[in-house]
N, C-alpha and C. Protein backbone atom coordinates (compact mmCIF):
# COMPACT_ATOMS: atom_id res chain seq x y z
N MET A 1 -23.68 -2.31 48.86
CA MET A 1 -22.82 -2.09 47.34
C MET A 1 -21.68 -3.38 46.95
N PRO A 2 -21.65 -3.88 45.63
CA PRO A 2 -21.31 -5.05 45.26
C PRO A 2 -19.85 -4.50 45.45
N THR A 3 -18.77 -5.35 45.25
CA THR A 3 -16.99 -4.83 44.85
C THR A 3 -16.30 -5.70 43.81
N VAL A 4 -15.81 -4.76 42.96
CA VAL A 4 -15.30 -6.08 42.22
C VAL A 4 -14.27 -6.80 42.48
N THR A 5 -14.02 -8.05 42.27
CA THR A 5 -12.99 -8.86 42.77
C THR A 5 -11.99 -9.16 42.05
N VAL A 6 -11.07 -9.43 42.32
CA VAL A 6 -10.00 -9.83 41.23
C VAL A 6 -10.07 -10.95 40.05
N THR A 7 -11.31 -11.91 40.47
CA THR A 7 -11.57 -12.74 39.77
C THR A 7 -12.10 -12.17 38.50
N SER A 8 -13.34 -11.32 38.28
CA SER A 8 -14.16 -10.55 37.45
C SER A 8 -13.11 -9.87 36.53
N LYS A 9 -12.34 -8.84 37.60
CA LYS A 9 -11.47 -8.76 36.26
C LYS A 9 -10.31 -9.60 35.57
N LYS A 10 -9.79 -10.79 35.88
CA LYS A 10 -9.54 -11.55 34.89
C LYS A 10 -10.22 -12.17 34.18
N HIS A 11 -11.39 -12.52 34.62
CA HIS A 11 -12.53 -13.13 33.85
C HIS A 11 -12.64 -11.65 32.23
N ARG A 12 -12.75 -10.47 32.35
CA ARG A 12 -13.04 -9.32 31.76
C ARG A 12 -11.43 -9.69 30.59
N LYS A 13 -10.33 -9.85 31.30
CA LYS A 13 -9.13 -9.93 30.32
C LYS A 13 -9.20 -10.78 29.32
N SER A 14 -9.22 -12.03 30.48
CA SER A 14 -9.71 -13.09 29.62
C SER A 14 -10.32 -13.36 28.52
N LYS A 15 -11.92 -12.72 28.68
CA LYS A 15 -12.69 -12.30 27.30
C LYS A 15 -12.02 -11.51 26.12
N GLN A 16 -11.56 -10.53 26.57
CA GLN A 16 -10.61 -9.85 25.63
C GLN A 16 -9.58 -10.71 25.17
N ARG A 17 -8.60 -10.94 25.54
CA ARG A 17 -7.55 -11.84 25.12
C ARG A 17 -8.40 -13.43 23.80
N LYS A 18 -9.49 -13.76 24.25
CA LYS A 18 -10.02 -14.77 23.47
C LYS A 18 -10.15 -14.08 22.36
N VAL A 19 -11.10 -12.72 22.49
CA VAL A 19 -11.62 -11.91 21.11
C VAL A 19 -9.83 -11.66 20.22
N ILE A 20 -8.86 -11.47 21.06
CA ILE A 20 -7.99 -10.98 20.13
C ILE A 20 -7.35 -12.37 19.40
N LEU A 21 -7.02 -13.48 19.94
CA LEU A 21 -6.84 -14.29 19.13
C LEU A 21 -7.45 -15.21 18.40
N GLU A 22 -8.82 -15.21 18.82
CA GLU A 22 -9.96 -15.20 18.11
C GLU A 22 -9.83 -14.64 16.61
N THR A 23 -9.31 -13.35 16.41
CA THR A 23 -9.05 -12.23 15.44
C THR A 23 -8.22 -12.44 14.46
N LEU A 24 -6.66 -12.83 15.17
CA LEU A 24 -5.55 -12.88 14.82
C LEU A 24 -5.67 -14.39 13.80
N LYS A 25 -6.35 -15.17 14.70
CA LYS A 25 -6.51 -16.70 14.07
C LYS A 25 -7.25 -16.48 12.39
N SER A 26 -8.42 -15.40 12.50
CA SER A 26 -9.17 -15.55 11.48
C SER A 26 -8.60 -14.59 10.30
N VAL A 27 -7.60 -14.01 10.53
CA VAL A 27 -7.24 -13.13 9.18
C VAL A 27 -5.41 -13.69 8.71
N TYR A 28 -5.13 -13.68 7.83
CA TYR A 28 -3.98 -14.28 7.02
C TYR A 28 -2.87 -13.12 6.73
N ASN A 29 -2.75 -11.82 7.14
CA ASN A 29 -2.13 -11.15 6.55
C ASN A 29 -1.21 -10.48 7.61
N HIS A 30 -0.99 -11.43 8.71
CA HIS A 30 -0.19 -11.30 9.80
C HIS A 30 0.15 -9.87 9.93
N PRO A 31 -0.74 -9.40 10.62
CA PRO A 31 -1.54 -7.69 11.18
C PRO A 31 0.05 -7.41 12.20
N THR A 32 -0.01 -6.34 12.12
CA THR A 32 0.72 -5.52 13.33
C THR A 32 -0.37 -5.16 14.48
N ALA A 33 0.32 -4.74 15.66
CA ALA A 33 -0.47 -4.40 16.67
C ALA A 33 -1.69 -3.74 16.50
N LYS A 34 -1.03 -2.51 15.80
CA LYS A 34 -2.07 -1.86 15.23
C LYS A 34 -3.48 -1.87 14.51
N GLU A 35 -3.22 -2.48 13.50
CA GLU A 35 -3.72 -3.42 12.14
C GLU A 35 -4.96 -3.85 13.10
N LEU A 36 -4.47 -5.20 14.54
CA LEU A 36 -5.29 -5.92 15.21
C LEU A 36 -6.10 -5.28 15.96
N TYR A 37 -5.29 -4.17 16.43
CA TYR A 37 -6.49 -3.32 17.18
C TYR A 37 -7.17 -3.01 16.69
N LYS A 38 -6.97 -2.14 15.47
CA LYS A 38 -8.39 -1.66 14.23
C LYS A 38 -9.94 -2.97 14.31
N LEU A 39 -9.12 -4.26 14.21
CA LEU A 39 -10.24 -5.06 13.82
C LEU A 39 -10.99 -5.40 15.23
N VAL A 40 -10.12 -5.97 16.33
CA VAL A 40 -10.57 -5.96 17.45
C VAL A 40 -11.86 -5.01 18.42
N GLU A 41 -11.24 -3.69 18.09
CA GLU A 41 -12.20 -2.45 18.61
C GLU A 41 -13.73 -2.63 17.56
N LYS A 42 -13.62 -3.55 16.76
CA LYS A 42 -14.95 -3.24 16.05
C LYS A 42 -15.84 -4.46 17.13
N LYS A 43 -15.60 -5.38 17.49
CA LYS A 43 -16.28 -6.54 18.43
C LYS A 43 -15.75 -5.76 19.93
N LEU A 44 -14.76 -5.37 20.43
CA LEU A 44 -14.78 -4.62 21.61
C LEU A 44 -14.71 -2.92 21.69
N PRO A 45 -15.40 -2.23 21.47
CA PRO A 45 -14.84 -0.93 21.38
C PRO A 45 -14.55 -0.07 22.26
N ASP A 46 -14.38 -0.87 23.53
CA ASP A 46 -14.02 0.27 24.71
C ASP A 46 -12.29 -0.88 25.31
N ILE A 47 -11.94 -1.48 24.18
CA ILE A 47 -10.41 -2.32 24.70
C ILE A 47 -9.48 -1.19 24.27
N GLY A 48 -8.18 -0.80 24.71
CA GLY A 48 -7.19 -0.01 24.24
C GLY A 48 -6.09 -0.53 23.28
N ILE A 49 -5.08 0.22 22.96
CA ILE A 49 -3.85 -0.35 22.08
C ILE A 49 -3.50 -1.26 23.01
N ALA A 50 -3.01 -0.74 24.59
CA ALA A 50 -1.75 -1.40 25.76
C ALA A 50 -2.68 -2.82 26.12
N THR A 51 -3.77 -2.79 25.87
CA THR A 51 -4.73 -4.42 26.30
C THR A 51 -4.09 -4.99 25.05
N ILE A 52 -4.22 -4.76 24.16
CA ILE A 52 -3.64 -5.18 22.45
C ILE A 52 -1.88 -5.95 22.93
N TYR A 53 -1.38 -4.96 23.10
CA TYR A 53 0.47 -4.82 23.32
C TYR A 53 0.21 -6.15 24.61
N ARG A 54 -0.45 -6.33 25.46
CA ARG A 54 -0.22 -6.17 26.67
C ARG A 54 -0.19 -8.27 26.46
N ASN A 55 -1.90 -8.14 25.99
CA ASN A 55 -2.39 -9.69 25.56
C ASN A 55 -1.52 -10.52 24.43
N LEU A 56 -1.09 -9.81 23.66
CA LEU A 56 -0.48 -10.26 22.56
C LEU A 56 1.03 -10.89 22.93
N ASP A 57 1.72 -10.10 23.96
CA ASP A 57 2.86 -10.54 24.78
C ASP A 57 2.31 -11.84 25.28
N LEU A 58 1.64 -11.72 26.55
CA LEU A 58 1.18 -12.97 26.58
C LEU A 58 0.84 -13.96 26.18
N LEU A 59 0.07 -13.85 25.13
CA LEU A 59 0.09 -15.07 24.23
C LEU A 59 1.32 -15.65 23.11
N GLU A 60 2.03 -14.77 23.25
CA GLU A 60 3.06 -15.13 22.99
C GLU A 60 4.27 -15.84 23.71
N LYS A 61 4.04 -15.61 24.79
CA LYS A 61 4.59 -16.53 26.02
C LYS A 61 4.14 -17.58 26.29
N GLN A 62 3.17 -17.95 26.00
CA GLN A 62 2.06 -18.95 25.99
C GLN A 62 2.24 -20.05 24.33
N HIS A 63 2.60 -19.85 23.70
CA HIS A 63 2.89 -20.27 22.59
C HIS A 63 1.57 -19.78 21.58
N LYS A 64 0.84 -19.44 21.73
CA LYS A 64 -0.24 -19.00 21.01
C LYS A 64 -0.69 -18.33 19.83
N LEU A 65 0.54 -17.53 20.00
CA LEU A 65 0.84 -16.88 18.61
C LEU A 65 2.26 -16.86 18.45
N ILE A 66 2.65 -16.09 16.69
CA ILE A 66 4.28 -16.28 16.52
C ILE A 66 4.20 -14.49 16.31
N LYS A 67 5.15 -14.13 16.82
CA LYS A 67 6.08 -12.32 16.70
C LYS A 67 6.55 -12.70 16.08
N LEU A 68 6.50 -11.70 14.63
CA LEU A 68 7.67 -11.89 13.67
C LEU A 68 8.31 -10.24 13.59
N LYS A 69 8.95 -10.60 14.09
CA LYS A 69 10.19 -9.12 14.06
C LYS A 69 10.62 -9.04 13.11
N ASN A 70 10.37 -7.22 12.83
CA ASN A 70 10.16 -6.97 11.63
C ASN A 70 11.68 -5.78 11.77
N LYS A 71 13.31 -6.67 11.27
CA LYS A 71 13.94 -5.81 11.45
C LYS A 71 14.09 -4.57 10.81
N LYS A 72 13.18 -4.06 9.66
CA LYS A 72 13.57 -3.17 8.71
C LYS A 72 12.48 -1.87 9.07
N ASN A 73 11.44 -2.51 9.92
CA ASN A 73 11.11 -0.67 10.98
C ASN A 73 10.36 -1.22 12.38
N GLY A 74 11.22 -2.27 12.72
CA GLY A 74 10.83 -2.46 13.59
C GLY A 74 9.25 -2.49 14.49
N GLU A 75 8.20 -2.83 13.61
CA GLU A 75 7.11 -3.06 13.59
C GLU A 75 6.78 -4.77 13.47
N ASN A 76 6.02 -5.04 14.65
CA ASN A 76 6.10 -6.41 14.62
C ASN A 76 4.76 -7.07 14.19
N ARG A 77 5.14 -7.73 13.20
CA ARG A 77 3.44 -8.99 12.71
C ARG A 77 3.36 -9.73 13.87
N TYR A 78 2.12 -10.48 13.45
CA TYR A 78 1.64 -11.39 14.43
C TYR A 78 0.77 -12.46 13.30
N ASP A 79 1.22 -13.76 13.92
CA ASP A 79 0.62 -14.72 13.17
C ASP A 79 -0.36 -15.91 14.35
N GLY A 80 -1.29 -15.86 14.15
CA GLY A 80 -1.98 -17.07 14.74
C GLY A 80 -2.21 -18.51 14.86
N LYS A 81 -1.64 -18.67 13.39
CA LYS A 81 -0.94 -19.97 13.29
C LYS A 81 -0.08 -20.66 14.08
N VAL A 82 -0.09 -21.41 14.31
CA VAL A 82 1.09 -22.20 15.01
C VAL A 82 1.70 -23.26 15.05
N GLU A 83 1.17 -24.22 14.12
CA GLU A 83 1.08 -25.32 13.38
C GLU A 83 3.06 -24.96 12.58
N LYS A 84 3.33 -26.29 12.32
CA LYS A 84 4.63 -25.79 11.72
C LYS A 84 4.70 -25.39 10.10
N HIS A 85 5.26 -24.36 9.89
CA HIS A 85 5.19 -23.31 9.20
C HIS A 85 6.32 -22.32 8.79
N CYS A 86 6.63 -22.05 7.64
CA CYS A 86 7.75 -20.89 7.52
C CYS A 86 7.00 -19.77 6.84
N HIS A 87 7.68 -18.88 7.11
CA HIS A 87 7.22 -17.45 6.43
C HIS A 87 8.21 -16.87 5.06
N LEU A 88 7.57 -16.64 4.04
CA LEU A 88 7.99 -15.83 2.90
C LEU A 88 7.85 -14.34 3.42
N ILE A 89 8.99 -13.80 3.50
CA ILE A 89 8.68 -12.15 3.53
C ILE A 89 9.22 -11.65 2.43
N CYS A 90 8.54 -10.70 1.54
CA CYS A 90 9.61 -9.87 0.78
C CYS A 90 10.26 -8.68 1.40
N ARG A 91 11.41 -8.31 0.57
CA ARG A 91 12.36 -7.13 0.91
C ARG A 91 11.40 -6.08 0.65
N LYS A 92 10.57 -6.03 -0.62
CA LYS A 92 10.72 -4.69 -0.54
C LYS A 92 9.45 -3.95 -0.40
N CYS A 93 8.19 -5.19 -0.23
CA CYS A 93 6.96 -4.43 0.34
C CYS A 93 6.68 -5.03 1.82
N ASN A 94 7.44 -5.68 2.24
CA ASN A 94 7.31 -6.66 3.37
C ASN A 94 5.89 -7.45 3.70
N ARG A 95 5.42 -7.69 2.57
CA ARG A 95 4.52 -8.97 2.22
C ARG A 95 4.97 -10.38 2.85
N ILE A 96 4.11 -10.81 4.27
CA ILE A 96 4.68 -12.31 4.54
C ILE A 96 3.50 -13.19 3.75
N GLN A 97 3.63 -13.91 3.86
CA GLN A 97 3.18 -15.25 3.30
C GLN A 97 3.47 -17.00 4.01
N ASP A 98 2.34 -17.34 4.17
CA ASP A 98 2.90 -18.71 4.91
C ASP A 98 3.21 -19.56 3.24
N LEU A 99 4.39 -20.29 4.59
CA LEU A 99 4.57 -21.85 3.57
C LEU A 99 4.73 -22.94 4.47
N MET A 100 3.38 -23.86 4.10
CA MET A 100 3.36 -24.63 5.08
C MET A 100 3.72 -26.02 4.83
N ASP A 101 4.42 -26.63 3.70
CA ASP A 101 5.15 -27.82 3.54
C ASP A 101 6.89 -27.47 3.74
N VAL A 102 7.15 -26.57 4.34
CA VAL A 102 8.78 -26.48 4.49
C VAL A 102 9.39 -27.66 4.97
N GLU A 103 9.04 -28.47 6.05
CA GLU A 103 9.51 -29.56 6.68
C GLU A 103 9.88 -30.62 5.39
N LYS A 104 8.86 -30.83 4.55
CA LYS A 104 8.99 -31.78 3.57
C LYS A 104 10.13 -31.17 2.76
N ILE A 105 10.03 -30.34 2.22
CA ILE A 105 11.43 -29.22 1.44
C ILE A 105 12.56 -29.45 1.96
N ILE A 106 12.76 -29.31 3.25
CA ILE A 106 14.16 -29.40 4.48
C ILE A 106 14.81 -31.01 3.92
N ILE A 107 13.73 -31.69 4.36
CA ILE A 107 13.92 -32.99 4.43
C ILE A 107 14.80 -33.59 3.58
N LYS A 108 13.88 -33.27 2.20
CA LYS A 108 14.40 -33.49 1.01
C LYS A 108 16.07 -33.14 0.56
N SER A 109 16.21 -32.10 1.42
CA SER A 109 17.21 -31.49 1.31
C SER A 109 18.57 -31.84 1.12
N LYS A 110 19.65 -32.26 0.31
CA LYS A 110 20.61 -33.14 0.50
C LYS A 110 21.29 -32.40 1.30
N SER A 111 21.79 -31.47 1.18
CA SER A 111 22.89 -30.43 1.78
C SER A 111 22.16 -30.03 3.19
N PHE A 112 21.22 -29.75 3.79
CA PHE A 112 20.83 -29.46 5.05
C PHE A 112 21.08 -30.73 5.76
N ASN A 113 20.65 -32.43 5.05
CA ASN A 113 20.55 -33.43 5.67
C ASN A 113 22.38 -33.66 6.28
N LYS A 114 23.14 -33.32 4.77
CA LYS A 114 24.37 -33.64 5.48
C LYS A 114 24.89 -32.90 6.47
N SER A 115 24.54 -31.47 6.92
CA SER A 115 24.56 -30.61 7.24
C SER A 115 24.64 -31.15 9.16
N GLY A 116 23.59 -31.81 9.18
CA GLY A 116 23.36 -32.25 10.62
C GLY A 116 22.75 -31.14 11.51
N PHE A 117 22.26 -30.00 10.74
CA PHE A 117 21.72 -28.85 11.42
C PHE A 117 20.14 -29.40 11.14
N LYS A 118 19.59 -29.49 12.46
CA LYS A 118 18.48 -29.63 12.67
C LYS A 118 17.58 -27.97 12.65
N ILE A 119 16.44 -27.66 11.62
CA ILE A 119 16.03 -26.31 11.31
C ILE A 119 14.50 -26.50 12.03
N ASP A 120 14.34 -25.61 12.95
CA ASP A 120 12.66 -25.32 13.57
C ASP A 120 11.67 -24.27 12.28
N PRO A 121 11.17 -25.30 11.88
CA PRO A 121 9.81 -24.81 10.62
C PRO A 121 9.24 -23.16 11.15
N LEU A 122 8.77 -23.58 12.44
CA LEU A 122 8.10 -22.86 13.44
C LEU A 122 8.50 -21.41 13.02
N TYR A 123 10.20 -21.40 13.03
CA TYR A 123 10.63 -19.95 13.24
C TYR A 123 11.62 -19.67 12.08
N THR A 124 11.17 -20.39 10.82
CA THR A 124 11.61 -20.14 9.63
C THR A 124 11.45 -18.81 8.59
N GLU A 125 12.64 -17.94 8.62
CA GLU A 125 11.62 -16.52 7.87
C GLU A 125 12.61 -16.64 6.60
N ILE A 126 12.08 -17.03 5.22
CA ILE A 126 12.84 -16.90 4.38
C ILE A 126 12.71 -15.52 3.63
N PHE A 127 13.80 -15.04 3.18
CA PHE A 127 13.54 -13.56 2.48
C PHE A 127 13.51 -13.53 1.26
N GLY A 128 12.98 -12.54 0.61
CA GLY A 128 12.99 -12.61 -1.04
C GLY A 128 12.05 -11.23 -1.46
N ILE A 129 12.03 -11.49 -3.16
CA ILE A 129 10.81 -10.64 -3.33
C ILE A 129 10.10 -11.51 -3.86
N CYS A 130 8.23 -10.79 -3.60
CA CYS A 130 7.17 -11.08 -4.04
C CYS A 130 6.82 -11.28 -5.46
N ARG A 131 6.19 -12.00 -5.80
CA ARG A 131 5.55 -11.74 -7.49
C ARG A 131 5.18 -10.12 -7.76
N ASN A 132 4.54 -9.85 -6.82
CA ASN A 132 4.04 -8.60 -7.03
C ASN A 132 5.11 -7.22 -7.17
N CYS A 133 6.08 -7.36 -6.41
CA CYS A 133 7.33 -6.63 -6.63
C CYS A 133 8.28 -6.74 -7.96
N TYR A 134 8.32 -7.98 -8.14
CA TYR A 134 9.29 -8.61 -9.23
C TYR A 134 8.80 -8.13 -10.44
């Protein structure tokens, strides 16, 4: 009778993790874990929500995704894009939009240059009101 080894179990989890990350990178709406689960479930019908959460935590620790902590309702959102950019977040509808040229904007800002403070564009969030809400 064949036995299941730890290696095969890790291989299965790696496949799930790969699909989770590929799915996250294919969308641009910064989904919640529950929204991502619905997308991944179409590809892996047997996956559970706990597996999604566990893998999102691991992928964040590996710096393969960004977790955006929602202070308003506590439901985190995730971004598969790890290149330097910041997030524009609407205070009304919680829509998140990527801003890719933030480093150029910060470098050109005289007040930031005078402050001597180095901004980390990867974790910068700018709050305001999106065009759909004003």
